[in-house]
Amino acid sequence: MNISPQPPPLHPRDSPFEAEAATYDASFTRSLIGSLMRQAVWRRLDASFSPGSHILELGCGTGEDATYLARRGVFVLATDPAAEMVATARKKAEDAGLANQVLTRQLGFEDLCAMDHAAGRGQFEPPFDGALSNFGALNCATDLTTTARGLANLLRPGARAVLCVMGPLVPWEWLWFFLHGHPRTALRRLRRGGVTWRGLTVRYPSIRTLRKAFEPGFRLRRVSAIGALLPPSYVEPWAARHPALIHRLDRWERRVDTKFPLPWLADHYLAELERR
């Protein structure tokens, strides 16, 4: 299938993540903590999406997850609000020889409701067999309920949505920043209305808040911890000096990642929903 040229964004806009595209893989994707967290997510992607599935990814970043899924025979429409992230994801897929499996598109959460009229064709148009949003992309959504409604309109009944979201309660974060003399940073996720970062408001919805926002279009099937025993990625310099401990914490976490209260106390929780 010829998937070029890339369709234009519905509403071009600047994104605070433009500047992150060049350094994201080095600072997170290839880090010890980042790689372990992503492998934990990939295990659930393997369980959710079979070869031949047509998946919509929201907030694709540099395309690491889209490329992984494409290698397994999944077709991915990988979207992100940041043009530089989209360009990086496209090049990554092309370099891997997977351009026919991955279509990239600049798209914000607020564009989902209009997407069914301008998405693409064939494997890359609605209704999709599933959806993915990894490592806190949904935390940047202006209105989670509107995003959920738009996503529901793009998925077939029974489709799975795998959403990795930053939660509000993170003991690792409290301990780390209190010990380093930054109490305001330690408690930032609890601020009413979210946290402003480069002009963008980042919110930290609880599992209950996410479940409520995605009803009635979805039912929550499974939730697991991504970074409860394993520390957050900004602890990487310390983690790099203690790799054996980090791997041990990861193994323990994978054994109990769905057990209460770990998903509620994790840097990210992985919510797996089913379209009604």
C-alpha atoms as a PDB file:
ATOM      1  CA  MET A   1       0.000   0.000   0.000  1.00  0.00           C
ATOM      2  CA  ASN A   2       1.233   3.495  -0.842  1.00  0.00           C
ATOM      3  CA  ILE A   3       0.842   5.567   2.318  1.00  0.00           C
ATOM      4  CA  SER A   4       2.627   8.718   1.161  1.00  0.00           C
ATOM      5  CA  PRO A   5       2.350  11.643   1.275  1.00  0.00           C
ATOM      6  CA  GLN A   6       1.545  12.012   4.956  1.00  0.00           C
ATOM      7  CA  PRO A   7      -1.827  13.724   5.540  1.00  0.00           C
ATOM      8  CA  PRO A   8      -1.588  17.215   7.087  1.00  0.00           C
ATOM      9  CA  PRO A   9      -2.538  17.834  10.703  1.00  0.00           C
ATOM     10  CA  LEU A  10      -6.146  18.857  11.282  1.00  0.00           C
ATOM     11  CA  HIS A  11      -5.152  21.907  13.314  1.00  0.00           C
ATOM     12  CA  PRO A  12      -1.404  22.700  13.219  1.00  0.00           C
ATOM     13  CA  ARG A  13      -0.101  23.931  16.567  1.00  0.00           C
ATOM     14  CA  ASP A  14       3.115  24.172  18.511  1.00  0.00           C
ATOM     15  CA  SER A  15       3.727  21.501  21.119  1.00  0.00           C
ATOM     16  CA  PRO A  16       6.029  21.777  24.149  1.00  0.00           C
ATOM     17  CA  PHE A  17       7.303  18.311  23.223  1.00  0.00           C
ATOM     18  CA  GLU A  18       8.888  19.490  19.950  1.00  0.00           C
ATOM     19  CA  ALA A  19      12.224  20.037  21.709  1.00  0.00           C
ATOM     20  CA  GLU A  20      12.100  16.600  23.363  1.00  0.00           C
ATOM     21  CA  ALA A  21      12.160  14.574  20.137  1.00  0.00           C
ATOM     22  CA  ALA A  22      15.937  14.697  19.665  1.00  0.00           C
ATOM     23  CA  THR A  23      16.809  13.551  23.193  1.00  0.00           C
ATOM     24  CA  TYR A  24      13.873  11.401  24.348  1.00  0.00           C
ATOM     25  CA  ASP A  25      15.265   8.041  23.256  1.00  0.00           C
ATOM     26  CA  ALA A  26      18.655   8.702  24.844  1.00  0.00           C
ATOM     27  CA  SER A  27      17.213  10.036  28.104  1.00  0.00           C
ATOM     28  CA  PHE A  28      14.366   7.545  28.554  1.00  0.00           C
ATOM     29  CA  THR A  29      13.898   4.830  25.912  1.00  0.00           C
ATOM     30  CA  ARG A  30      17.433   3.466  26.228  1.00  0.00           C
ATOM     31  CA  SER A  31      17.757   4.081  29.975  1.00  0.00           C
ATOM     32  CA  LEU A  32      17.666   1.149  32.394  1.00  0.00           C
ATOM     33  CA  ILE A  33      14.409   2.184  34.084  1.00  0.00           C
ATOM     34  CA  GLY A  34      12.780   3.312  30.843  1.00  0.00           C
ATOM     35  CA  SER A  35      13.568   0.071  29.054  1.00  0.00           C
ATOM     36  CA  LEU A  36      12.190  -2.062  31.914  1.00  0.00           C
ATOM     37  CA  MET A  37       9.003   0.002  32.078  1.00  0.00           C
ATOM     38  CA  ARG A  38       8.495  -0.257  28.323  1.00  0.00           C
ATOM     39  CA  GLN A  39       9.055  -4.014  28.360  1.00  0.00           C
ATOM     40  CA  ALA A  40       6.334  -4.288  31.009  1.00  0.00           C
ATOM     41  CA  VAL A  41       3.937  -2.383  28.742  1.00  0.00           C
ATOM     42  CA  TRP A  42       4.956  -4.481  25.716  1.00  0.00           C
ATOM     43  CA  ARG A  43       3.970  -7.684  27.542  1.00  0.00           C
ATOM     44  CA  ARG A  44       0.433  -6.349  27.776  1.00  0.00           C
ATOM     45  CA  LEU A  45       0.464  -5.146  24.166  1.00  0.00           C
ATOM     46  CA  ASP A  46       1.377  -8.692  23.143  1.00  0.00           C
ATOM     47  CA  ALA A  47      -1.617  -9.965  25.109  1.00  0.00           C
ATOM     48  CA  SER A  48      -3.988  -7.355  23.657  1.00  0.00           C
ATOM     49  CA  PHE A  49      -3.125  -6.946  19.965  1.00  0.00           C
ATOM     50  CA  SER A  50      -2.657  -9.831  17.538  1.00  0.00           C
ATOM     51  CA  PRO A  51      -0.863  -9.719  14.149  1.00  0.00           C
ATOM     52  CA  GLY A  52      -3.076  -8.121  11.518  1.00  0.00           C
ATOM     53  CA  SER A  53      -4.798  -5.820  14.033  1.00  0.00           C
ATOM     54  CA  HIS A  54      -5.322  -2.170  13.143  1.00  0.00           C
ATOM     55  CA  ILE A  55      -4.318   0.044  16.073  1.00  0.00           C
ATOM     56  CA  LEU A  56      -4.573   3.766  16.787  1.00  0.00           C
ATOM     57  CA  GLU A  57      -1.759   5.190  18.929  1.00  0.00           C
ATOM     58  CA  LEU A  58      -2.238   8.487  20.759  1.00  0.00           C
ATOM     59  CA  GLY A  59       0.920  10.351  21.715  1.00  0.00           C
ATOM     60  CA  CYS A  60       3.306   8.079  19.814  1.00  0.00           C
ATOM     61  CA  GLY A  61       6.429  10.057  20.744  1.00  0.00           C
ATOM     62  CA  THR A  62       9.459   8.800  18.845  1.00  0.00           C
ATOM     63  CA  GLY A  63       7.614   5.726  17.551  1.00  0.00           C
ATOM     64  CA  GLU A  64       9.218   3.067  19.726  1.00  0.00           C
ATOM     65  CA  ASP A  65       5.914   1.307  20.486  1.00  0.00           C
ATOM     66  CA  ALA A  66       4.571   1.639  16.939  1.00  0.00           C
ATOM     67  CA  THR A  67       7.727   0.062  15.537  1.00  0.00           C
ATOM     68  CA  TYR A  68       7.557  -2.758  18.085  1.00  0.00           C
ATOM     69  CA  LEU A  69       3.954  -3.538  17.175  1.00  0.00           C
ATOM     70  CA  ALA A  70       4.680  -3.316  13.449  1.00  0.00           C
ATOM     71  CA  ARG A  71       7.431  -5.915  13.799  1.00  0.00           C
ATOM     72  CA  ARG A  72       4.719  -8.220  15.163  1.00  0.00           C
ATOM     73  CA  GLY A  73       2.527  -7.662  12.108  1.00  0.00           C
ATOM     74  CA  VAL A  74       0.248  -4.998  13.612  1.00  0.00           C
ATOM     75  CA  PHE A  75      -0.801  -1.965  11.529  1.00  0.00           C
ATOM     76  CA  VAL A  76      -0.423   1.281  13.514  1.00  0.00           C
ATOM     77  CA  LEU A  77      -1.716   4.782  12.875  1.00  0.00           C
ATOM     78  CA  ALA A  78       0.754   6.597  15.147  1.00  0.00           C
ATOM     79  CA  THR A  79      -0.305  10.120  16.115  1.00  0.00           C
ATOM     80  CA  ASP A  80       1.242  12.875  18.209  1.00  0.00           C
ATOM     81  CA  PRO A  81       0.626  16.633  18.623  1.00  0.00           C
ATOM     82  CA  ALA A  82       4.355  17.383  18.139  1.00  0.00           C
ATOM     83  CA  ALA A  83       5.527  17.551  14.518  1.00  0.00           C
ATOM     84  CA  GLU A  84       9.116  16.652  15.483  1.00  0.00           C
ATOM     85  CA  MET A  85       7.943  13.549  17.343  1.00  0.00           C
ATOM     86  CA  VAL A  86       5.897  12.518  14.303  1.00  0.00           C
ATOM     87  CA  ALA A  87       8.892  13.023  12.002  1.00  0.00           C
ATOM     88  CA  THR A  88      11.130  10.985  14.314  1.00  0.00           C
ATOM     89  CA  ALA A  89       8.563   8.167  14.529  1.00  0.00           C
ATOM     90  CA  ARG A  90       8.169   8.121  10.743  1.00  0.00           C
ATOM     91  CA  LYS A  91      11.930   7.887  10.172  1.00  0.00           C
ATOM     92  CA  LYS A  92      12.250   5.131  12.782  1.00  0.00           C
ATOM     93  CA  ALA A  93       9.605   3.054  10.990  1.00  0.00           C
ATOM     94  CA  GLU A  94      11.196   3.705   7.589  1.00  0.00           C
ATOM     95  CA  ASP A  95      14.682   2.796   8.837  1.00  0.00           C
ATOM     96  CA  ALA A  96      13.268  -0.469  10.194  1.00  0.00           C
ATOM     97  CA  GLY A  97      11.660  -1.271   6.834  1.00  0.00           C
ATOM     98  CA  LEU A  98       8.186  -0.959   8.359  1.00  0.00           C
ATOM     99  CA  ALA A  99       6.767   2.010   6.445  1.00  0.00           C
ATOM    100  CA  ASN A 100       3.886  -0.123   5.148  1.00  0.00           C
ATOM    101  CA  GLN A 101       2.927  -1.050   8.725  1.00  0.00           C
ATOM    102  CA  VAL A 102       3.130   2.390  10.349  1.00  0.00           C
ATOM    103  CA  LEU A 103       1.417   5.585   9.219  1.00  0.00           C
ATOM    104  CA  THR A 104       2.279   8.711  11.202  1.00  0.00           C
ATOM    105  CA  ARG A 105       0.120  11.763  11.660  1.00  0.00           C
ATOM    106  CA  GLN A 106       0.275  15.008  13.621  1.00  0.00           C
ATOM    107  CA  LEU A 107      -2.872  14.944  15.738  1.00  0.00           C
ATOM    108  CA  GLY A 108      -3.957  16.322  19.111  1.00  0.00           C
ATOM    109  CA  PHE A 109      -6.469  14.794  21.510  1.00  0.00           C
ATOM    110  CA  GLU A 110      -8.943  17.536  20.669  1.00  0.00           C
ATOM    111  CA  ASP A 111      -8.893  16.391  17.024  1.00  0.00           C
ATOM    112  CA  LEU A 112     -10.255  12.905  17.707  1.00  0.00           C
ATOM    113  CA  CYS A 113     -13.887  13.817  17.099  1.00  0.00           C
ATOM    114  CA  ALA A 114     -13.058  14.981  13.553  1.00  0.00           C
ATOM    115  CA  MET A 115     -10.616  12.201  12.807  1.00  0.00           C
ATOM    116  CA  ASP A 116     -13.138   9.744  11.326  1.00  0.00           C
ATOM    117  CA  HIS A 117     -13.470  12.114   8.373  1.00  0.00           C
ATOM    118  CA  ALA A 118      -9.756  12.544   7.718  1.00  0.00           C
ATOM    119  CA  ALA A 119      -7.758   9.630   9.128  1.00  0.00           C
ATOM    120  CA  GLY A 120      -6.531   7.703   6.103  1.00  0.00           C
ATOM    121  CA  ARG A 121      -7.635   4.594   4.318  1.00  0.00           C
ATOM    122  CA  GLY A 122      -7.472   0.816   4.465  1.00  0.00           C
ATOM    123  CA  GLN A 123      -5.666  -0.438   7.556  1.00  0.00           C
ATOM    124  CA  PHE A 124      -5.273   3.122   8.821  1.00  0.00           C
ATOM    125  CA  GLU A 125      -8.882   4.293   9.027  1.00  0.00           C
ATOM    126  CA  PRO A 126     -11.659   3.776  11.609  1.00  0.00           C
ATOM    127  CA  PRO A 127     -13.006   1.663  13.093  1.00  0.00           C
ATOM    128  CA  PHE A 128      -9.798   0.438  14.694  1.00  0.00           C
ATOM    129  CA  ASP A 129      -9.257  -2.903  16.454  1.00  0.00           C
ATOM    130  CA  GLY A 130      -7.598  -1.230  19.422  1.00  0.00           C
ATOM    131  CA  ALA A 131      -5.833   1.817  20.817  1.00  0.00           C
ATOM    132  CA  LEU A 132      -2.639   2.579  22.698  1.00  0.00           C
ATOM    133  CA  SER A 133      -1.420   5.572  24.649  1.00  0.00           C
ATOM    134  CA  ASN A 134       1.841   5.145  26.532  1.00  0.00           C
ATOM    135  CA  PHE A 135       3.810   6.893  29.286  1.00  0.00           C
ATOM    136  CA  GLY A 136       1.556   9.751  30.269  1.00  0.00           C
ATOM    137  CA  ALA A 137       0.428  11.140  26.914  1.00  0.00           C
ATOM    138  CA  LEU A 138      -3.159  11.171  28.206  1.00  0.00           C
ATOM    139  CA  ASN A 139      -2.052  13.272  31.175  1.00  0.00           C
ATOM    140  CA  CYS A 140      -1.784  16.142  28.700  1.00  0.00           C
ATOM    141  CA  ALA A 141      -5.393  15.862  27.477  1.00  0.00           C
ATOM    142  CA  THR A 142      -7.391  19.014  28.179  1.00  0.00           C
ATOM    143  CA  ASP A 143     -10.616  17.102  28.827  1.00  0.00           C
ATOM    144  CA  LEU A 144     -10.343  13.374  29.524  1.00  0.00           C
ATOM    145  CA  THR A 145     -14.091  12.771  29.083  1.00  0.00           C
ATOM    146  CA  THR A 146     -14.119  14.391  25.634  1.00  0.00           C
ATOM    147  CA  THR A 147     -11.014  12.424  24.653  1.00  0.00           C
ATOM    148  CA  ALA A 148     -12.663   9.187  25.798  1.00  0.00           C
ATOM    149  CA  ARG A 149     -15.796   9.944  23.787  1.00  0.00           C
ATOM    150  CA  GLY A 150     -13.759  10.720  20.672  1.00  0.00           C
ATOM    151  CA  LEU A 151     -11.719   7.542  21.065  1.00  0.00           C
ATOM    152  CA  ALA A 152     -14.841   5.403  21.555  1.00  0.00           C
ATOM    153  CA  ASN A 153     -16.193   6.644  18.226  1.00  0.00           C
ATOM    154  CA  LEU A 154     -13.051   5.372  16.460  1.00  0.00           C
ATOM    155  CA  LEU A 155     -12.997   1.825  17.881  1.00  0.00           C
ATOM    156  CA  ARG A 156     -15.119  -1.185  17.031  1.00  0.00           C
ATOM    157  CA  PRO A 157     -17.130  -2.871  19.819  1.00  0.00           C
ATOM    158  CA  GLY A 158     -14.897  -5.214  21.790  1.00  0.00           C
ATOM    159  CA  ALA A 159     -11.718  -3.323  20.887  1.00  0.00           C
ATOM    160  CA  ARG A 160      -9.050  -3.002  23.591  1.00  0.00           C
ATOM    161  CA  ALA A 161      -7.537   0.315  24.702  1.00  0.00           C
ATOM    162  CA  VAL A 162      -4.226   0.047  26.574  1.00  0.00           C
ATOM    163  CA  LEU A 163      -3.537   3.315  28.390  1.00  0.00           C
ATOM    164  CA  CYS A 164      -0.421   4.037  30.468  1.00  0.00           C
ATOM    165  CA  VAL A 165      -1.209   7.014  32.699  1.00  0.00           C
ATOM    166  CA  MET A 166       0.709   8.881  35.407  1.00  0.00           C
ATOM    167  CA  GLY A 167      -1.175   8.544  38.690  1.00  0.00           C
ATOM    168  CA  PRO A 168      -1.414  11.012  41.601  1.00  0.00           C
ATOM    169  CA  LEU A 169       0.041   8.938  44.465  1.00  0.00           C
ATOM    170  CA  VAL A 170       3.711   7.974  44.147  1.00  0.00           C
ATOM    171  CA  PRO A 171       5.572   7.160  47.403  1.00  0.00           C
ATOM    172  CA  TRP A 172       8.838   6.833  45.480  1.00  0.00           C
ATOM    173  CA  GLU A 173       8.410  10.459  44.333  1.00  0.00           C
ATOM    174  CA  TRP A 174       7.518  11.691  47.800  1.00  0.00           C
ATOM    175  CA  LEU A 175      10.567  10.031  49.328  1.00  0.00           C
ATOM    176  CA  TRP A 176      13.002  11.094  46.601  1.00  0.00           C
ATOM    177  CA  PHE A 177      12.110  14.784  46.504  1.00  0.00           C
ATOM    178  CA  PHE A 178      11.600  15.196  50.251  1.00  0.00           C
ATOM    179  CA  LEU A 179      15.080  13.750  50.837  1.00  0.00           C
ATOM    180  CA  HIS A 180      16.470  16.162  48.238  1.00  0.00           C
ATOM    181  CA  GLY A 181      14.752  19.166  49.841  1.00  0.00           C
ATOM    182  CA  HIS A 182      11.995  19.731  47.268  1.00  0.00           C
ATOM    183  CA  PRO A 183       8.675  19.245  49.109  1.00  0.00           C
ATOM    184  CA  ARG A 184       6.621  21.182  46.517  1.00  0.00           C
ATOM    185  CA  THR A 185       7.894  18.916  43.766  1.00  0.00           C
ATOM    186  CA  ALA A 186       7.239  15.857  45.916  1.00  0.00           C
ATOM    187  CA  LEU A 187       3.543  16.768  46.159  1.00  0.00           C
ATOM    188  CA  ARG A 188       3.054  18.280  42.680  1.00  0.00           C
ATOM    189  CA  ARG A 189       0.723  15.536  41.460  1.00  0.00           C
ATOM    190  CA  LEU A 190      -1.771  16.371  44.195  1.00  0.00           C
ATOM    191  CA  ARG A 191      -2.260  19.986  43.084  1.00  0.00           C
ATOM    192  CA  ARG A 192      -5.835  20.801  42.177  1.00  0.00           C
ATOM    193  CA  GLY A 193      -6.058  21.638  38.483  1.00  0.00           C
ATOM    194  CA  GLY A 194      -2.772  20.009  37.548  1.00  0.00           C
ATOM    195  CA  VAL A 195       0.761  21.299  36.979  1.00  0.00           C
ATOM    196  CA  THR A 196       1.811  23.842  34.354  1.00  0.00           C
ATOM    197  CA  TRP A 197       4.800  22.777  32.245  1.00  0.00           C
ATOM    198  CA  ARG A 198       5.983  24.898  29.287  1.00  0.00           C
ATOM    199  CA  GLY A 199       2.508  26.349  28.908  1.00  0.00           C
ATOM    200  CA  LEU A 200       0.839  22.926  29.033  1.00  0.00           C
ATOM    201  CA  THR A 201      -1.314  21.713  31.933  1.00  0.00           C
ATOM    202  CA  VAL A 202      -0.426  18.193  33.054  1.00  0.00           C
ATOM    203  CA  ARG A 203      -3.055  16.405  35.142  1.00  0.00           C
ATOM    204  CA  TYR A 204      -2.738  13.219  37.186  1.00  0.00           C
ATOM    205  CA  PRO A 205      -6.069  11.365  37.169  1.00  0.00           C
ATOM    206  CA  SER A 206      -6.654   8.558  39.613  1.00  0.00           C
ATOM    207  CA  ILE A 207      -7.777   5.135  38.405  1.00  0.00           C
ATOM    208  CA  ARG A 208     -11.290   5.985  39.593  1.00  0.00           C
ATOM    209  CA  THR A 209     -11.260   9.277  37.660  1.00  0.00           C
ATOM    210  CA  LEU A 210     -10.066   7.557  34.499  1.00  0.00           C
ATOM    211  CA  ARG A 211     -12.706   4.825  34.801  1.00  0.00           C
ATOM    212  CA  LYS A 212     -15.447   7.434  35.215  1.00  0.00           C
ATOM    213  CA  ALA A 213     -14.200   9.494  32.247  1.00  0.00           C
ATOM    214  CA  PHE A 214     -14.205   6.476  29.935  1.00  0.00           C
ATOM    215  CA  GLU A 215     -17.719   5.348  30.852  1.00  0.00           C
ATOM    216  CA  PRO A 216     -20.110   4.566  29.261  1.00  0.00           C
ATOM    217  CA  GLY A 217     -18.055   3.814  26.134  1.00  0.00           C
ATOM    218  CA  PHE A 218     -15.564   1.488  27.847  1.00  0.00           C
ATOM    219  CA  ARG A 219     -15.369  -1.013  30.698  1.00  0.00           C
ATOM    220  CA  LEU A 220     -12.155  -1.302  32.722  1.00  0.00           C
ATOM    221  CA  ARG A 221     -10.854  -4.882  32.456  1.00  0.00           C
ATOM    222  CA  ARG A 222      -7.431  -4.782  34.105  1.00  0.00           C
ATOM    223  CA  VAL A 223      -5.109  -2.323  35.828  1.00  0.00           C
ATOM    224  CA  SER A 224      -1.455  -2.880  36.722  1.00  0.00           C
ATOM    225  CA  ALA A 225       1.506  -0.962  38.117  1.00  0.00           C
ATOM    226  CA  ILE A 226       4.313   0.450  35.984  1.00  0.00           C
ATOM    227  CA  GLY A 227       6.797   1.846  38.475  1.00  0.00           C
ATOM    228  CA  ALA A 228       5.561   1.048  41.987  1.00  0.00           C
ATOM    229  CA  LEU A 229       8.501  -0.950  43.333  1.00  0.00           C
ATOM    230  CA  LEU A 230      10.599   0.183  40.372  1.00  0.00           C
ATOM    231  CA  PRO A 231      11.554   3.867  40.843  1.00  0.00           C
ATOM    232  CA  PRO A 232      10.548   6.674  38.448  1.00  0.00           C
ATOM    233  CA  SER A 233      12.778   7.408  35.459  1.00  0.00           C
ATOM    234  CA  TYR A 234      14.304  10.585  36.938  1.00  0.00           C
ATOM    235  CA  VAL A 235      16.091   8.314  39.448  1.00  0.00           C
ATOM    236  CA  GLU A 236      18.093   6.876  36.526  1.00  0.00           C
ATOM    237  CA  PRO A 237      21.532   8.187  37.629  1.00  0.00           C
ATOM    238  CA  TRP A 238      21.108   6.373  40.951  1.00  0.00           C
ATOM    239  CA  ALA A 239      19.574   3.317  39.268  1.00  0.00           C
ATOM    240  CA  ALA A 240      22.489   3.028  36.841  1.00  0.00           C
ATOM    241  CA  ARG A 241      24.787   2.534  39.841  1.00  0.00           C
ATOM    242  CA  HIS A 242      22.568  -0.240  41.231  1.00  0.00           C
ATOM    243  CA  PRO A 243      21.459  -2.309  38.204  1.00  0.00           C
ATOM    244  CA  ALA A 244      21.140  -5.590  40.102  1.00  0.00           C
ATOM    245  CA  LEU A 245      18.753  -4.004  42.604  1.00  0.00           C
ATOM    246  CA  ILE A 246      16.712  -2.374  39.828  1.00  0.00           C
ATOM    247  CA  HIS A 247      16.304  -5.679  37.983  1.00  0.00           C
ATOM    248  CA  ARG A 248      15.308  -7.364  41.242  1.00  0.00           C
ATOM    249  CA  LEU A 249      12.680  -4.696  41.946  1.00  0.00           C
ATOM    250  CA  ASP A 250      11.351  -5.104  38.413  1.00  0.00           C
ATOM    251  CA  ARG A 251      11.009  -8.884  38.798  1.00  0.00           C
ATOM    252  CA  TRP A 252       9.147  -8.458  42.086  1.00  0.00           C
ATOM    253  CA  GLU A 253       6.860  -5.828  40.580  1.00  0.00           C
ATOM    254  CA  ARG A 254       5.925  -7.987  37.604  1.00  0.00           C
ATOM    255  CA  ARG A 255       4.807 -10.769  39.976  1.00  0.00           C
ATOM    256  CA  VAL A 256       2.406  -8.535  41.911  1.00  0.00           C
ATOM    257  CA  ASP A 257       1.700  -5.636  39.538  1.00  0.00           C
ATOM    258  CA  THR A 258      -2.096  -6.064  39.655  1.00  0.00           C
ATOM    259  CA  LYS A 259      -2.312  -6.491  43.436  1.00  0.00           C
ATOM    260  CA  PHE A 260      -3.826  -3.728  45.559  1.00  0.00           C
ATOM    261  CA  PRO A 261      -2.508  -1.152  46.262  1.00  0.00           C
ATOM    262  CA  LEU A 262       0.412  -1.198  43.776  1.00  0.00           C
ATOM    263  CA  PRO A 263      -1.405   0.211  40.705  1.00  0.00           C
ATOM    264  CA  TRP A 264      -2.731   3.056  42.885  1.00  0.00           C
ATOM    265  CA  LEU A 265       0.799   3.908  44.137  1.00  0.00           C
ATOM    266  CA  ALA A 266       2.764   3.643  40.887  1.00  0.00           C
ATOM    267  CA  ASP A 267       4.548   6.246  38.774  1.00  0.00           C
ATOM    268  CA  HIS A 268       2.266   5.013  35.953  1.00  0.00           C
ATOM    269  CA  TYR A 269      -0.685   2.652  35.968  1.00  0.00           C
ATOM    270  CA  LEU A 270      -1.586   0.585  32.924  1.00  0.00           C
ATOM    271  CA  ALA A 271      -5.353   0.598  32.360  1.00  0.00           C
ATOM    272  CA  GLU A 272      -6.748  -1.954  29.907  1.00  0.00           C
ATOM    273  CA  LEU A 273     -10.253  -1.120  28.759  1.00  0.00           C
ATOM    274  CA  GLU A 274     -12.716  -2.740  26.402  1.00  0.00           C
ATOM    275  CA  ARG A 275     -14.995  -0.826  24.027  1.00  0.00           C
ATOM    276  CA  ARG A 276     -18.625  -1.614  24.865  1.00  0.00           C
END
